[in-house]
PDB file of N, CA and C in Angstrom:
ATOM      1  N   MET A   1      -4.539 -17.548  -2.821  1.00  0.00           N
ATOM      2  CA  MET A   1      -3.624 -16.979  -1.894  1.00  0.00           C
ATOM      3  C   MET A   1      -3.730 -15.496  -1.899  1.00  0.00           C
ATOM      4  N   GLN A   2      -3.528 -14.905  -0.738  1.00  0.00           N
ATOM      5  CA  GLN A   2      -3.592 -13.430  -0.662  1.00  0.00           C
ATOM      6  C   GLN A   2      -2.244 -12.756  -0.691  1.00  0.00           C
ATOM      7  N   TYR A   3      -2.199 -11.665  -1.268  1.00  0.00           N
ATOM      8  CA  TYR A   3      -0.953 -10.834  -1.428  1.00  0.00           C
ATOM      9  C   TYR A   3      -1.186  -9.407  -1.010  1.00  0.00           C
ATOM     10  N   LEU A   4      -0.202  -8.835  -0.389  1.00  0.00           N
ATOM     11  CA  LEU A   4      -0.164  -7.441  -0.036  1.00  0.00           C
ATOM     12  C   LEU A   4       0.633  -6.696  -1.119  1.00  0.00           C
ATOM     13  N   VAL A   5       0.006  -5.743  -1.797  1.00  0.00           N
ATOM     14  CA  VAL A   5       0.648  -4.899  -2.771  1.00  0.00           C
ATOM     15  C   VAL A   5       0.764  -3.476  -2.172  1.00  0.00           C
ATOM     16  N   SER A   6       1.996  -3.191  -1.765  1.00  0.00           N
ATOM     17  CA  SER A   6       2.305  -1.961  -1.090  1.00  0.00           C
ATOM     18  C   SER A   6       2.644  -0.795  -2.078  1.00  0.00           C
ATOM     19  N   VAL A   7       2.045   0.306  -1.970  1.00  0.00           N
ATOM     20  CA  VAL A   7       2.289   1.436  -2.904  1.00  0.00           C
ATOM     21  C   VAL A   7       3.386   2.295  -2.262  1.00  0.00           C
ATOM     22  N   ILE A   8       4.469   2.502  -3.002  1.00  0.00           N
ATOM     23  CA  ILE A   8       5.644   3.177  -2.464  1.00  0.00           C
ATOM     24  C   ILE A   8       5.714   4.590  -3.153  1.00  0.00           C
ATOM     25  N   ASP A   9       5.808   5.617  -2.316  1.00  0.00           N
ATOM     26  CA  ASP A   9       5.763   6.995  -2.854  1.00  0.00           C
ATOM     27  C   ASP A   9       6.907   7.766  -2.354  1.00  0.00           C
ATOM     28  N   ASP A  10       7.373   8.781  -3.104  1.00  0.00           N
ATOM     29  CA  ASP A  10       8.481   9.644  -2.635  1.00  0.00           C
ATOM     30  C   ASP A  10       8.053  11.101  -2.693  1.00  0.00           C
ATOM     31  N   THR A  11       6.737  11.305  -2.757  1.00  0.00           N
ATOM     32  CA  THR A  11       6.281  12.711  -2.758  1.00  0.00           C
ATOM     33  C   THR A  11       5.369  12.947  -1.532  1.00  0.00           C
ATOM     34  N   ALA A  12       5.116  14.116  -1.206  1.00  0.00           N
ATOM     35  CA  ALA A  12       4.254  14.459  -0.078  1.00  0.00           C
ATOM     36  C   ALA A  12       2.780  14.623  -0.496  1.00  0.00           C
ATOM     37  N   GLY A  13       2.590  14.783  -1.769  1.00  0.00           N
ATOM     38  CA  GLY A  13       1.228  15.016  -2.316  1.00  0.00           C
ATOM     39  C   GLY A  13       0.435  13.751  -2.543  1.00  0.00           C
ATOM     40  N   SER A  14      -0.862  13.909  -2.633  1.00  0.00           N
ATOM     41  CA  SER A  14      -1.808  12.860  -2.896  1.00  0.00           C
ATOM     42  C   SER A  14      -1.778  12.584  -4.444  1.00  0.00           C
ATOM     43  N   ALA A  15      -2.562  11.563  -4.817  1.00  0.00           N
ATOM     44  CA  ALA A  15      -2.697  11.251  -6.188  1.00  0.00           C
ATOM     45  C   ALA A  15      -3.339  12.439  -6.907  1.00  0.00           C
ATOM     46  N   THR A  16      -2.975  12.657  -8.188  1.00  0.00           N
ATOM     47  CA  THR A  16      -3.636  13.633  -9.020  1.00  0.00           C
ATOM     48  C   THR A  16      -5.034  13.099  -9.351  1.00  0.00           C
ATOM     49  N   SER A  17      -5.852  14.010  -9.889  1.00  0.00           N
ATOM     50  CA  SER A  17      -7.243  13.585 -10.292  1.00  0.00           C
ATOM     51  C   SER A  17      -7.229  12.455 -11.339  1.00  0.00           C
ATOM     52  N   ASP A  18      -6.249  12.557 -12.217  1.00  0.00           N
ATOM     53  CA  ASP A  18      -6.101  11.471 -13.298  1.00  0.00           C
ATOM     54  C   ASP A  18      -5.689  10.193 -12.656  1.00  0.00           C
ATOM     55  N   GLU A  19      -4.714  10.225 -11.706  1.00  0.00           N
ATOM     56  CA  GLU A  19      -4.320   9.055 -11.023  1.00  0.00           C
ATOM     57  C   GLU A  19      -5.425   8.433 -10.185  1.00  0.00           C
ATOM     58  N   ALA A  20      -6.178   9.298  -9.478  1.00  0.00           N
ATOM     59  CA  ALA A  20      -7.256   8.819  -8.669  1.00  0.00           C
ATOM     60  C   ALA A  20      -8.347   8.123  -9.541  1.00  0.00           C
ATOM     61  N   ALA A  21      -8.610   8.657 -10.662  1.00  0.00           N
ATOM     62  CA  ALA A  21      -9.586   8.064 -11.601  1.00  0.00           C
ATOM     63  C   ALA A  21      -9.050   6.758 -12.130  1.00  0.00           C
ATOM     64  N   ALA A  22      -7.769   6.604 -12.430  1.00  0.00           N
ATOM     65  CA  ALA A  22      -7.189   5.391 -12.918  1.00  0.00           C
ATOM     66  C   ALA A  22      -7.208   4.296 -11.823  1.00  0.00           C
ATOM     67  N   ILE A  23      -6.954   4.762 -10.561  1.00  0.00           N
ATOM     68  CA  ILE A  23      -6.998   3.840  -9.456  1.00  0.00           C
ATOM     69  C   ILE A  23      -8.411   3.292  -9.246  1.00  0.00           C
ATOM     70  N   ASP A  24      -9.445   4.206  -9.440  1.00  0.00           N
ATOM     71  CA  ASP A  24     -10.814   3.742  -9.328  1.00  0.00           C
ATOM     72  C   ASP A  24     -11.188   2.706 -10.317  1.00  0.00           C
ATOM     73  N   VAL A  25     -10.725   2.947 -11.593  1.00  0.00           N
ATOM     74  CA  VAL A  25     -10.980   1.928 -12.647  1.00  0.00           C
ATOM     75  C   VAL A  25     -10.294   0.580 -12.266  1.00  0.00           C
ATOM     76  N   PHE A  26      -9.103   0.677 -11.804  1.00  0.00           N
ATOM     77  CA  PHE A  26      -8.351  -0.580 -11.456  1.00  0.00           C
ATOM     78  C   PHE A  26      -9.027  -1.271 -10.292  1.00  0.00           C
ATOM     79  N   ASN A  27      -9.476  -0.509  -9.264  1.00  0.00           N
ATOM     80  CA  ASN A  27     -10.165  -1.119  -8.154  1.00  0.00           C
ATOM     81  C   ASN A  27     -11.467  -1.855  -8.587  1.00  0.00           C
ATOM     82  N   GLU A  28     -12.201  -1.150  -9.455  1.00  0.00           N
ATOM     83  CA  GLU A  28     -13.437  -1.739 -10.028  1.00  0.00           C
ATOM     84  C   GLU A  28     -13.181  -3.056 -10.730  1.00  0.00           C
ATOM     85  N   ARG A  29     -12.089  -3.042 -11.457  1.00  0.00           N
ATOM     86  CA  ARG A  29     -11.634  -4.280 -12.242  1.00  0.00           C
ATOM     87  C   ARG A  29     -11.292  -5.452 -11.280  1.00  0.00           C
ATOM     88  N   LEU A  30     -10.532  -5.043 -10.260  1.00  0.00           N
ATOM     89  CA  LEU A  30     -10.170  -6.063  -9.250  1.00  0.00           C
ATOM     90  C   LEU A  30     -11.381  -6.613  -8.585  1.00  0.00           C
ATOM     91  N   GLN A  31     -12.409  -5.803  -8.317  1.00  0.00           N
ATOM     92  CA  GLN A  31     -13.639  -6.319  -7.722  1.00  0.00           C
ATOM     93  C   GLN A  31     -14.384  -7.184  -8.684  1.00  0.00           C
ATOM     94  N   SER A  32     -14.578  -6.817  -9.875  1.00  0.00           N
ATOM     95  CA  SER A  32     -15.380  -7.557 -10.822  1.00  0.00           C
ATOM     96  C   SER A  32     -14.695  -8.849 -11.233  1.00  0.00           C
ATOM     97  N   GLU A  33     -13.370  -8.934 -11.155  1.00  0.00           N
ATOM     98  CA  GLU A  33     -12.619 -10.207 -11.481  1.00  0.00           C
ATOM     99  C   GLU A  33     -12.465 -11.071 -10.235  1.00  0.00           C
ATOM    100  N   GLY A  34     -12.896 -10.651  -9.015  1.00  0.00           N
ATOM    101  CA  GLY A  34     -12.750 -11.516  -7.865  1.00  0.00           C
ATOM    102  C   GLY A  34     -11.421 -11.475  -7.203  1.00  0.00           C
ATOM    103  N   HIS A  35     -10.562 -10.441  -7.527  1.00  0.00           N
ATOM    104  CA  HIS A  35      -9.277 -10.303  -6.862  1.00  0.00           C
ATOM    105  C   HIS A  35      -9.276  -9.408  -5.615  1.00  0.00           C
ATOM    106  N   TRP A  36     -10.333  -8.618  -5.490  1.00  0.00           N
ATOM    107  CA  TRP A  36     -10.403  -7.564  -4.452  1.00  0.00           C
ATOM    108  C   TRP A  36     -10.568  -8.249  -3.094  1.00  0.00           C
ATOM    109  N   VAL A  37      -9.750  -7.834  -2.110  1.00  0.00           N
ATOM    110  CA  VAL A  37     -10.024  -8.154  -0.741  1.00  0.00           C
ATOM    111  C   VAL A  37     -10.208  -6.874   0.073  1.00  0.00           C
ATOM    112  N   PHE A  38      -9.223  -5.949  -0.087  1.00  0.00           N
ATOM    113  CA  PHE A  38      -9.290  -4.697   0.695  1.00  0.00           C
ATOM    114  C   PHE A  38      -8.207  -3.803   0.102  1.00  0.00           C
ATOM    115  N   ALA A  39      -8.417  -2.498   0.187  1.00  0.00           N
ATOM    116  CA  ALA A  39      -7.409  -1.481  -0.210  1.00  0.00           C
ATOM    117  C   ALA A  39      -7.619  -0.235   0.581  1.00  0.00           C
ATOM    118  N   GLY A  40      -6.560   0.566   0.667  1.00  0.00           N
ATOM    119  CA  GLY A  40      -6.649   1.898   1.334  1.00  0.00           C
ATOM    120  C   GLY A  40      -5.430   2.693   1.109  1.00  0.00           C
ATOM    121  N   GLY A  41      -5.669   3.987   1.170  1.00  0.00           N
ATOM    122  CA  GLY A  41      -4.540   4.972   1.145  1.00  0.00           C
ATOM    123  C   GLY A  41      -4.188   5.348   2.549  1.00  0.00           C
ATOM    124  N   LEU A  42      -3.000   5.734   2.795  1.00  0.00           N
ATOM    125  CA  LEU A  42      -2.485   6.112   4.067  1.00  0.00           C
ATOM    126  C   LEU A  42      -2.135   7.622   4.194  1.00  0.00           C
ATOM    127  N   GLY A  43      -2.229   8.108   5.369  1.00  0.00           N
ATOM    128  CA  GLY A  43      -1.798   9.516   5.605  1.00  0.00           C
ATOM    129  C   GLY A  43      -0.292   9.579   5.437  1.00  0.00           C
ATOM    130  N   SER A  44       0.198  10.840   5.382  1.00  0.00           N
ATOM    131  CA  SER A  44       1.618  11.106   5.181  1.00  0.00           C
ATOM    132  C   SER A  44       2.411  10.536   6.313  1.00  0.00           C
ATOM    133  N   PRO A  45       3.673  10.288   6.182  1.00  0.00           N
ATOM    134  CA  PRO A  45       4.544   9.779   7.268  1.00  0.00           C
ATOM    135  C   PRO A  45       4.503  10.697   8.523  1.00  0.00           C
ATOM    136  N   SER A  46       4.304  12.041   8.313  1.00  0.00           N
ATOM    137  CA  SER A  46       4.268  12.912   9.453  1.00  0.00           C
ATOM    138  C   SER A  46       3.129  12.627  10.372  1.00  0.00           C
ATOM    139  N   THR A  47       2.092  11.898   9.934  1.00  0.00           N
ATOM    140  CA  THR A  47       0.931  11.601  10.828  1.00  0.00           C
ATOM    141  C   THR A  47       1.098  10.244  11.590  1.00  0.00           C
ATOM    142  N   ALA A  48       2.234   9.591  11.352  1.00  0.00           N
ATOM    143  CA  ALA A  48       2.556   8.311  12.038  1.00  0.00           C
ATOM    144  C   ALA A  48       2.877   8.488  13.487  1.00  0.00           C
ATOM    145  N   THR A  49       2.632   7.434  14.288  1.00  0.00           N
ATOM    146  CA  THR A  49       3.148   7.323  15.618  1.00  0.00           C
ATOM    147  C   THR A  49       3.714   5.929  15.773  1.00  0.00           C
ATOM    148  N   VAL A  50       4.899   5.764  16.219  1.00  0.00           N
ATOM    149  CA  VAL A  50       5.618   4.536  16.472  1.00  0.00           C
ATOM    150  C   VAL A  50       5.452   4.258  17.961  1.00  0.00           C
ATOM    151  N   ILE A  51       5.064   2.993  18.261  1.00  0.00           N
ATOM    152  CA  ILE A  51       4.888   2.553  19.643  1.00  0.00           C
ATOM    153  C   ILE A  51       5.863   1.402  19.926  1.00  0.00           C
ATOM    154  N   ASP A  52       6.611   1.501  20.941  1.00  0.00           N
ATOM    155  CA  ASP A  52       7.590   0.507  21.371  1.00  0.00           C
ATOM    156  C   ASP A  52       7.265   0.064  22.753  1.00  0.00           C
ATOM    157  N   ASN A  53       6.664  -1.149  22.942  1.00  0.00           N
ATOM    158  CA  ASN A  53       6.294  -1.757  24.171  1.00  0.00           C
ATOM    159  C   ASN A  53       7.054  -3.015  24.467  1.00  0.00           C
ATOM    160  N   ARG A  54       8.294  -3.098  23.978  1.00  0.00           N
ATOM    161  CA  ARG A  54       9.121  -4.289  24.162  1.00  0.00           C
ATOM    162  C   ARG A  54       9.701  -4.454  25.564  1.00  0.00           C
ATOM    163  N   GLY A  55       9.855  -3.386  26.296  1.00  0.00           N
ATOM    164  CA  GLY A  55      10.569  -3.477  27.597  1.00  0.00           C
ATOM    165  C   GLY A  55       9.538  -3.768  28.660  1.00  0.00           C
ATOM    166  N   ASP A  56      10.122  -3.719  29.944  1.00  0.00           N
ATOM    167  CA  ASP A  56       9.276  -3.952  31.116  1.00  0.00           C
ATOM    168  C   ASP A  56       8.518  -2.730  31.548  1.00  0.00           C
ATOM    169  N   GLY A  57       8.936  -1.540  31.095  1.00  0.00           N
ATOM    170  CA  GLY A  57       8.277  -0.303  31.588  1.00  0.00           C
ATOM    171  C   GLY A  57       7.177   0.074  30.680  1.00  0.00           C
ATOM    172  N   GLU A  58       6.875   1.337  30.661  1.00  0.00           N
ATOM    173  CA  GLU A  58       5.792   1.898  29.910  1.00  0.00           C
ATOM    174  C   GLU A  58       6.071   1.892  28.382  1.00  0.00           C
ATOM    175  N   ALA A  59       5.023   1.823  27.634  1.00  0.00           N
ATOM    176  CA  ALA A  59       5.253   1.859  26.179  1.00  0.00           C
ATOM    177  C   ALA A  59       5.701   3.276  25.759  1.00  0.00           C
ATOM    178  N   VAL A  60       6.675   3.345  24.833  1.00  0.00           N
ATOM    179  CA  VAL A  60       7.245   4.593  24.404  1.00  0.00           C
ATOM    180  C   VAL A  60       6.575   4.949  23.067  1.00  0.00           C
ATOM    181  N   LEU A  61       5.983   6.106  22.938  1.00  0.00           N
ATOM    182  CA  LEU A  61       5.366   6.640  21.777  1.00  0.00           C
ATOM    183  C   LEU A  61       6.229   7.739  21.135  1.00  0.00           C
ATOM    184  N   THR A  62       6.474   7.584  19.822  1.00  0.00           N
ATOM    185  CA  THR A  62       7.327   8.575  19.151  1.00  0.00           C
ATOM    186  C   THR A  62       6.532   9.104  17.937  1.00  0.00           C
ATOM    187  N   ASP A  63       6.370  10.377  17.800  1.00  0.00           N
ATOM    188  CA  ASP A  63       5.736  10.927  16.663  1.00  0.00           C
ATOM    189  C   ASP A  63       6.589  10.812  15.436  1.00  0.00           C
ATOM    190  N   GLY A  64       6.002  10.613  14.334  1.00  0.00           N
ATOM    191  CA  GLY A  64       6.695  10.479  13.049  1.00  0.00           C
ATOM    192  C   GLY A  64       6.844   9.040  12.630  1.00  0.00           C
ATOM    193  N   PRO A  65       7.430   8.852  11.438  1.00  0.00           N
ATOM    194  CA  PRO A  65       7.607   7.500  10.879  1.00  0.00           C
ATOM    195  C   PRO A  65       8.638   6.679  11.592  1.00  0.00           C
ATOM    196  N   PHE A  66       8.572   5.327  11.384  1.00  0.00           N
ATOM    197  CA  PHE A  66       9.524   4.452  11.940  1.00  0.00           C
ATOM    198  C   PHE A  66      10.975   4.696  11.521  1.00  0.00           C
ATOM    199  N   VAL A  67      11.122   4.953  10.211  1.00  0.00           N
ATOM    200  CA  VAL A  67      12.426   5.306   9.657  1.00  0.00           C
ATOM    201  C   VAL A  67      12.252   6.591   8.823  1.00  0.00           C
ATOM    202  N   GLU A  68      13.305   7.376   8.826  1.00  0.00           N
ATOM    203  CA  GLU A  68      13.398   8.555   7.937  1.00  0.00           C
ATOM    204  C   GLU A  68      13.902   8.056   6.633  1.00  0.00           C
ATOM    205  N   SER A  69      13.125   8.229   5.558  1.00  0.00           N
ATOM    206  CA  SER A  69      13.634   7.879   4.215  1.00  0.00           C
ATOM    207  C   SER A  69      12.854   8.741   3.212  1.00  0.00           C
ATOM    208  N   LYS A  70      13.406   8.727   1.992  1.00  0.00           N
ATOM    209  CA  LYS A  70      12.855   9.511   0.985  1.00  0.00           C
ATOM    210  C   LYS A  70      11.476   8.847   0.474  1.00  0.00           C
ATOM    211  N   GLU A  71      11.440   7.512   0.551  1.00  0.00           N
ATOM    212  CA  GLU A  71      10.223   6.780   0.160  1.00  0.00           C
ATOM    213  C   GLU A  71       9.478   6.329   1.378  1.00  0.00           C
ATOM    214  N   HIS A  72       8.148   6.213   1.183  1.00  0.00           N
ATOM    215  CA  HIS A  72       7.302   5.732   2.288  1.00  0.00           C
ATOM    216  C   HIS A  72       6.058   4.955   1.684  1.00  0.00           C
ATOM    217  N   LEU A  73       5.440   4.302   2.605  1.00  0.00           N
ATOM    218  CA  LEU A  73       4.215   3.462   2.248  1.00  0.00           C
ATOM    219  C   LEU A  73       3.031   4.391   2.102  1.00  0.00           C
ATOM    220  N   ALA A  74       2.499   4.583   0.863  1.00  0.00           N
ATOM    221  CA  ALA A  74       1.442   5.573   0.710  1.00  0.00           C
ATOM    222  C   ALA A  74       0.008   4.906   0.651  1.00  0.00           C
ATOM    223  N   GLY A  75      -0.018   3.585   0.478  1.00  0.00           N
ATOM    224  CA  GLY A  75      -1.302   2.876   0.393  1.00  0.00           C
ATOM    225  C   GLY A  75      -1.020   1.409   0.106  1.00  0.00           C
ATOM    226  N   PHE A  76      -2.092   0.673  -0.078  1.00  0.00           N
ATOM    227  CA  PHE A  76      -1.920  -0.787  -0.300  1.00  0.00           C
ATOM    228  C   PHE A  76      -3.265  -1.361  -0.899  1.00  0.00           C
ATOM    229  N   TRP A  77      -3.005  -2.531  -1.520  1.00  0.00           N
ATOM    230  CA  TRP A  77      -4.095  -3.409  -1.942  1.00  0.00           C
ATOM    231  C   TRP A  77      -3.840  -4.751  -1.233  1.00  0.00           C
ATOM    232  N   ILE A  78      -4.811  -5.414  -0.803  1.00  0.00           N
ATOM    233  CA  ILE A  78      -4.777  -6.813  -0.467  1.00  0.00           C
ATOM    234  C   ILE A  78      -5.505  -7.475  -1.513  1.00  0.00           C
ATOM    235  N   ILE A  79      -4.932  -8.389  -2.255  1.00  0.00           N
ATOM    236  CA  ILE A  79      -5.672  -9.058  -3.356  1.00  0.00           C
ATOM    237  C   ILE A  79      -5.588 -10.525  -3.150  1.00  0.00           C
ATOM    238  N   GLU A  80      -6.508 -11.179  -3.900  1.00  0.00           N
ATOM    239  CA  GLU A  80      -6.575 -12.614  -3.943  1.00  0.00           C
ATOM    240  C   GLU A  80      -6.091 -13.007  -5.367  1.00  0.00           C
ATOM    241  N   ALA A  81      -5.176 -13.932  -5.456  1.00  0.00           N
ATOM    242  CA  ALA A  81      -4.593 -14.316  -6.717  1.00  0.00           C
ATOM    243  C   ALA A  81      -4.284 -15.785  -6.708  1.00  0.00           C
ATOM    244  N   ALA A  82      -4.455 -16.498  -7.843  1.00  0.00           N
ATOM    245  CA  ALA A  82      -4.161 -17.920  -7.923  1.00  0.00           C
ATOM    246  C   ALA A  82      -2.748 -18.243  -7.614  1.00  0.00           C
ATOM    247  N   ASP A  83      -1.835 -17.381  -7.970  1.00  0.00           N
ATOM    248  CA  ASP A  83      -0.391 -17.640  -7.800  1.00  0.00           C
ATOM    249  C   ASP A  83       0.373 -16.377  -7.893  1.00  0.00           C
ATOM    250  N   LEU A  84       1.663 -16.410  -7.713  1.00  0.00           N
ATOM    251  CA  LEU A  84       2.465 -15.257  -7.694  1.00  0.00           C
ATOM    252  C   LEU A  84       2.496 -14.546  -9.049  1.00  0.00           C
ATOM    253  N   ASP A  85       2.482 -15.326 -10.145  1.00  0.00           N
ATOM    254  CA  ASP A  85       2.465 -14.747 -11.465  1.00  0.00           C
ATOM    255  C   ASP A  85       1.240 -13.869 -11.711  1.00  0.00           C
ATOM    256  N   VAL A  86       0.089 -14.296 -11.277  1.00  0.00           N
ATOM    257  CA  VAL A  86      -1.138 -13.494 -11.396  1.00  0.00           C
ATOM    258  C   VAL A  86      -1.002 -12.165 -10.441  1.00  0.00           C
ATOM    259  N   ALA A  87      -0.521 -12.403  -9.275  1.00  0.00           N
ATOM    260  CA  ALA A  87      -0.361 -11.267  -8.364  1.00  0.00           C
ATOM    261  C   ALA A  87       0.631 -10.180  -8.979  1.00  0.00           C
ATOM    262  N   LEU A  88       1.679 -10.644  -9.566  1.00  0.00           N
ATOM    263  CA  LEU A  88       2.641  -9.752 -10.133  1.00  0.00           C
ATOM    264  C   LEU A  88       2.122  -9.016 -11.354  1.00  0.00           C
ATOM    265  N   ARG A  89       1.227  -9.709 -12.147  1.00  0.00           N
ATOM    266  CA  ARG A  89       0.559  -9.044 -13.224  1.00  0.00           C
ATOM    267  C   ARG A  89      -0.324  -7.972 -12.765  1.00  0.00           C
ATOM    268  N   LEU A  90      -1.113  -8.287 -11.771  1.00  0.00           N
ATOM    269  CA  LEU A  90      -2.082  -7.323 -11.212  1.00  0.00           C
ATOM    270  C   LEU A  90      -1.304  -6.162 -10.577  1.00  0.00           C
ATOM    271  N   ALA A  91      -0.271  -6.470  -9.874  1.00  0.00           N
ATOM    272  CA  ALA A  91       0.518  -5.406  -9.194  1.00  0.00           C
ATOM    273  C   ALA A  91       1.104  -4.449 -10.228  1.00  0.00           C
ATOM    274  N   ALA A  92       1.566  -5.008 -11.407  1.00  0.00           N
ATOM    275  CA  ALA A  92       2.136  -4.157 -12.453  1.00  0.00           C
ATOM    276  C   ALA A  92       1.053  -3.210 -12.985  1.00  0.00           C
ATOM    277  N   GLU A  93      -0.162  -3.686 -13.111  1.00  0.00           N
ATOM    278  CA  GLU A  93      -1.262  -2.953 -13.600  1.00  0.00           C
ATOM    279  C   GLU A  93      -1.612  -1.824 -12.526  1.00  0.00           C
ATOM    280  N   GLY A  94      -1.576  -2.182 -11.246  1.00  0.00           N
ATOM    281  CA  GLY A  94      -1.775  -1.281 -10.161  1.00  0.00           C
ATOM    282  C   GLY A  94      -0.742  -0.195 -10.165  1.00  0.00           C
ATOM    283  N   SER A  95       0.531  -0.554 -10.405  1.00  0.00           N
ATOM    284  CA  SER A  95       1.617   0.455 -10.445  1.00  0.00           C
ATOM    285  C   SER A  95       1.369   1.421 -11.552  1.00  0.00           C
ATOM    286  N   GLY A  96       0.849   0.980 -12.667  1.00  0.00           N
ATOM    287  CA  GLY A  96       0.587   1.901 -13.738  1.00  0.00           C
ATOM    288  C   GLY A  96      -0.604   2.795 -13.395  1.00  0.00           C
ATOM    289  N   ALA A  97      -1.567   2.244 -12.746  1.00  0.00           N
ATOM    290  CA  ALA A  97      -2.805   3.048 -12.417  1.00  0.00           C
ATOM    291  C   ALA A  97      -2.484   4.184 -11.396  1.00  0.00           C
ATOM    292  N   CYS A  98      -1.634   3.837 -10.375  1.00  0.00           N
ATOM    293  CA  CYS A  98      -1.378   4.843  -9.360  1.00  0.00           C
ATOM    294  C   CYS A  98      -0.096   5.652  -9.674  1.00  0.00           C
ATOM    295  N   ASN A  99       0.662   5.293 -10.711  1.00  0.00           N
ATOM    296  CA  ASN A  99       1.814   5.964 -11.188  1.00  0.00           C
ATOM    297  C   ASN A  99       2.918   5.931 -10.049  1.00  0.00           C
ATOM    298  N   ARG A 100       3.052   4.853  -9.397  1.00  0.00           N
ATOM    299  CA  ARG A 100       4.051   4.716  -8.321  1.00  0.00           C
ATOM    300  C   ARG A 100       4.577   3.252  -8.325  1.00  0.00           C
ATOM    301  N   LYS A 101       5.767   3.094  -7.682  1.00  0.00           N
ATOM    302  CA  LYS A 101       6.302   1.782  -7.505  1.00  0.00           C
ATOM    303  C   LYS A 101       5.386   1.007  -6.507  1.00  0.00           C
ATOM    304  N   VAL A 102       5.375  -0.268  -6.689  1.00  0.00           N
ATOM    305  CA  VAL A 102       4.702  -1.147  -5.722  1.00  0.00           C
ATOM    306  C   VAL A 102       5.569  -2.324  -5.349  1.00  0.00           C
ATOM    307  N   GLU A 103       5.326  -2.884  -4.145  1.00  0.00           N
ATOM    308  CA  GLU A 103       6.008  -4.041  -3.705  1.00  0.00           C
ATOM    309  C   GLU A 103       4.991  -5.167  -3.459  1.00  0.00           C
ATOM    310  N   VAL A 104       5.144  -6.443  -3.813  1.00  0.00           N
ATOM    311  CA  VAL A 104       4.290  -7.517  -3.676  1.00  0.00           C
ATOM    312  C   VAL A 104       4.948  -8.527  -2.662  1.00  0.00           C
ATOM    313  N   ARG A 105       3.994  -8.865  -1.625  1.00  0.00           N
ATOM    314  CA  ARG A 105       4.430  -9.865  -0.688  1.00  0.00           C
ATOM    315  C   ARG A 105       3.306 -10.782  -0.358  1.00  0.00           C
ATOM    316  N   PRO A 106       3.534 -12.110  -0.300  1.00  0.00           N
ATOM    317  CA  PRO A 106       2.447 -12.991   0.052  1.00  0.00           C
ATOM    318  C   PRO A 106       2.195 -13.025   1.556  1.00  0.00           C
ATOM    319  N   PHE A 107       0.948 -13.268   1.939  1.00  0.00           N
ATOM    320  CA  PHE A 107       0.656 -13.444   3.293  1.00  0.00           C
ATOM    321  C   PHE A 107       1.122 -14.859   3.654  1.00  0.00           C
ATOM    322  N   LEU A 108       1.581 -14.999   4.927  1.00  0.00           N
ATOM    323  CA  LEU A 108       1.949 -16.365   5.381  1.00  0.00           C
ATOM    324  C   LEU A 108       0.812 -17.238   5.693  1.00  0.00           C
TER     325      LEU A 108
END
């Protein structure tokens, strides 16, 4: 089963060099153990554009994040894990590597 591990950040800065090195080690381990699907870091919330095309008119584009909050999505891993327990163990290790909170959600 695949899981989304979302990295939650409350700072505007990127990972420190030590955090980036720990993330690289964690990523290599995910790959070598067969858990790796895809991962990526995201630009700051100020680089976001929200698009709302629910109505009958033109799509509305708004600069900035969907919601204003102290915390934001800073990056993610998509992992393959046998079950939720394995996904949670890996996510805990990822949280330690990037020094940030993470959220785990299964794909439907």
